[in-house]
Amino acid sequence: MINNKNNPLLDKDFLSKLDMEHGKEIYAKIIALNHNEDSIEEIEGKVTGGSVNIDGSSNLQRSCSLSLIAKNLNIHDTYWGVESKF
């Protein structure tokens, strides 16, 4: 007798969960801002991973790490430094 739990293709619960999964594509546009919060430069593309952290009790209230596949990339390093707003 074949055990359905050892073969995912015969496991109805697994196949049902797999059928309910929907792949998503997330796109982002990140805009570098000057001290007056005017737009300087932007990067946009398909997000491949990352995280966003929000901490209201910290001086640095929001931080993020983002990986994306950019399109039409033409940026200047000086706008994307540690002290930049985006």
C-alpha atoms as a PDB file:
ATOM      1  CA  MET A   1       0.000   0.000   0.000  1.00  0.00           C
ATOM      2  CA  ILE A   2       1.309   3.465  -0.937  1.00  0.00           C
ATOM      3  CA  ASN A   3       1.394   6.049   1.860  1.00  0.00           C
ATOM      4  CA  ASN A   4      -0.042   9.312   0.493  1.00  0.00           C
ATOM      5  CA  LYS A   5       1.911  11.405   3.048  1.00  0.00           C
ATOM      6  CA  ASN A   6       5.227  10.189   1.572  1.00  0.00           C
ATOM      7  CA  ASN A   7       4.260  11.151  -1.969  1.00  0.00           C
ATOM      8  CA  PRO A   8       3.118  14.785  -2.275  1.00  0.00           C
ATOM      9  CA  LEU A   9       1.491  14.092  -5.641  1.00  0.00           C
ATOM     10  CA  LEU A  10      -0.916  11.669  -3.935  1.00  0.00           C
ATOM     11  CA  ASP A  11      -1.533  13.812  -0.821  1.00  0.00           C
ATOM     12  CA  LYS A  12      -4.916  15.573  -1.275  1.00  0.00           C
ATOM     13  CA  ASP A  13      -4.275  18.042   1.574  1.00  0.00           C
ATOM     14  CA  PHE A  14      -0.944  19.103   0.085  1.00  0.00           C
ATOM     15  CA  LEU A  15      -2.404  19.444  -3.415  1.00  0.00           C
ATOM     16  CA  SER A  16      -5.315  21.489  -2.092  1.00  0.00           C
ATOM     17  CA  LYS A  17      -2.962  23.886  -0.275  1.00  0.00           C
ATOM     18  CA  LEU A  18      -0.750  24.117  -3.361  1.00  0.00           C
ATOM     19  CA  ASP A  19      -3.776  24.970  -5.497  1.00  0.00           C
ATOM     20  CA  MET A  20      -4.680  27.817  -3.120  1.00  0.00           C
ATOM     21  CA  GLU A  21      -1.209  29.394  -3.363  1.00  0.00           C
ATOM     22  CA  HIS A  22      -1.011  32.371  -5.662  1.00  0.00           C
ATOM     23  CA  GLY A  23       2.341  33.707  -6.758  1.00  0.00           C
ATOM     24  CA  LYS A  24       2.717  37.459  -6.512  1.00  0.00           C
ATOM     25  CA  GLU A  25       4.985  39.945  -8.139  1.00  0.00           C
ATOM     26  CA  ILE A  26       5.663  43.083  -6.149  1.00  0.00           C
ATOM     27  CA  TYR A  27       6.984  46.210  -7.789  1.00  0.00           C
ATOM     28  CA  ALA A  28       8.444  49.214  -5.989  1.00  0.00           C
ATOM     29  CA  LYS A  29       9.455  52.749  -6.821  1.00  0.00           C
ATOM     30  CA  ILE A  30      11.993  54.287  -4.444  1.00  0.00           C
ATOM     31  CA  ILE A  31      12.517  58.041  -4.679  1.00  0.00           C
ATOM     32  CA  ALA A  32      15.561  59.813  -3.222  1.00  0.00           C
ATOM     33  CA  LEU A  33      14.585  63.113  -1.571  1.00  0.00           C
ATOM     34  CA  ASN A  34      16.555  66.240  -0.761  1.00  0.00           C
ATOM     35  CA  HIS A  35      16.277  68.049   2.603  1.00  0.00           C
ATOM     36  CA  ASN A  36      13.149  69.876   1.358  1.00  0.00           C
ATOM     37  CA  GLU A  37      11.705  66.458   0.428  1.00  0.00           C
ATOM     38  CA  ASP A  38      11.790  67.245  -3.290  1.00  0.00           C
ATOM     39  CA  SER A  39      12.353  64.299  -5.607  1.00  0.00           C
ATOM     40  CA  ILE A  40      15.963  63.950  -6.783  1.00  0.00           C
ATOM     41  CA  GLU A  41      16.229  60.512  -8.344  1.00  0.00           C
ATOM     42  CA  GLU A  42      14.287  57.251  -8.422  1.00  0.00           C
ATOM     43  CA  ILE A  43      14.751  53.534  -8.803  1.00  0.00           C
ATOM     44  CA  GLU A  44      11.924  51.201  -9.756  1.00  0.00           C
ATOM     45  CA  GLY A  45      11.651  47.519 -10.468  1.00  0.00           C
ATOM     46  CA  LYS A  46      10.489  44.069  -9.397  1.00  0.00           C
ATOM     47  CA  VAL A  47      11.114  43.287  -5.721  1.00  0.00           C
ATOM     48  CA  THR A  48      12.919  39.995  -5.120  1.00  0.00           C
ATOM     49  CA  GLY A  49      13.187  40.190  -1.321  1.00  0.00           C
ATOM     50  CA  GLY A  50      13.534  42.393   1.693  1.00  0.00           C
ATOM     51  CA  SER A  51      11.953  43.643   4.883  1.00  0.00           C
ATOM     52  CA  VAL A  52      10.557  46.817   6.460  1.00  0.00           C
ATOM     53  CA  ASN A  53      10.974  47.628  10.157  1.00  0.00           C
ATOM     54  CA  ILE A  54       8.905  50.217  12.039  1.00  0.00           C
ATOM     55  CA  ASP A  55       9.802  51.196  15.616  1.00  0.00           C
ATOM     56  CA  GLY A  56       8.005  54.200  17.109  1.00  0.00           C
ATOM     57  CA  SER A  57      10.263  54.288  20.156  1.00  0.00           C
ATOM     58  CA  SER A  58      13.496  54.610  18.167  1.00  0.00           C
ATOM     59  CA  ASN A  59      15.137  57.747  16.704  1.00  0.00           C
ATOM     60  CA  LEU A  60      15.326  55.816  13.439  1.00  0.00           C
ATOM     61  CA  GLN A  61      11.633  54.981  13.171  1.00  0.00           C
ATOM     62  CA  ARG A  62      11.639  53.209   9.835  1.00  0.00           C
ATOM     63  CA  SER A  63      14.304  51.173   8.114  1.00  0.00           C
ATOM     64  CA  CYS A  64      14.277  48.687   5.283  1.00  0.00           C
ATOM     65  CA  SER A  65      16.323  46.256   3.312  1.00  0.00           C
ATOM     66  CA  LEU A  66      15.223  45.737  -0.256  1.00  0.00           C
ATOM     67  CA  SER A  67      16.436  43.713  -3.208  1.00  0.00           C
ATOM     68  CA  LEU A  68      14.976  44.416  -6.609  1.00  0.00           C
ATOM     69  CA  ILE A  69      15.607  44.014 -10.292  1.00  0.00           C
ATOM     70  CA  ALA A  70      15.751  47.602 -11.517  1.00  0.00           C
ATOM     71  CA  LYS A  71      14.855  48.790 -14.960  1.00  0.00           C
ATOM     72  CA  ASN A  72      16.451  51.837 -16.615  1.00  0.00           C
ATOM     73  CA  LEU A  73      18.967  52.196 -13.816  1.00  0.00           C
ATOM     74  CA  ASN A  74      20.799  55.528 -13.984  1.00  0.00           C
ATOM     75  CA  ILE A  75      21.617  56.646 -10.453  1.00  0.00           C
ATOM     76  CA  HIS A  76      24.284  58.658  -8.644  1.00  0.00           C
ATOM     77  CA  ASP A  77      25.832  57.206  -5.481  1.00  0.00           C
ATOM     78  CA  THR A  78      25.684  60.518  -3.587  1.00  0.00           C
ATOM     79  CA  TYR A  79      21.867  60.511  -3.492  1.00  0.00           C
ATOM     80  CA  TRP A  80      21.609  57.044  -1.974  1.00  0.00           C
ATOM     81  CA  GLY A  81      23.900  57.432   1.071  1.00  0.00           C
ATOM     82  CA  VAL A  82      23.313  56.506   4.681  1.00  0.00           C
ATOM     83  CA  GLU A  83      21.753  59.858   5.599  1.00  0.00           C
ATOM     84  CA  SER A  84      19.421  60.040   2.591  1.00  0.00           C
ATOM     85  CA  LYS A  85      15.651  60.163   2.744  1.00  0.00           C
ATOM     86  CA  PHE A  86      13.598  58.089   0.385  1.00  0.00           C
END
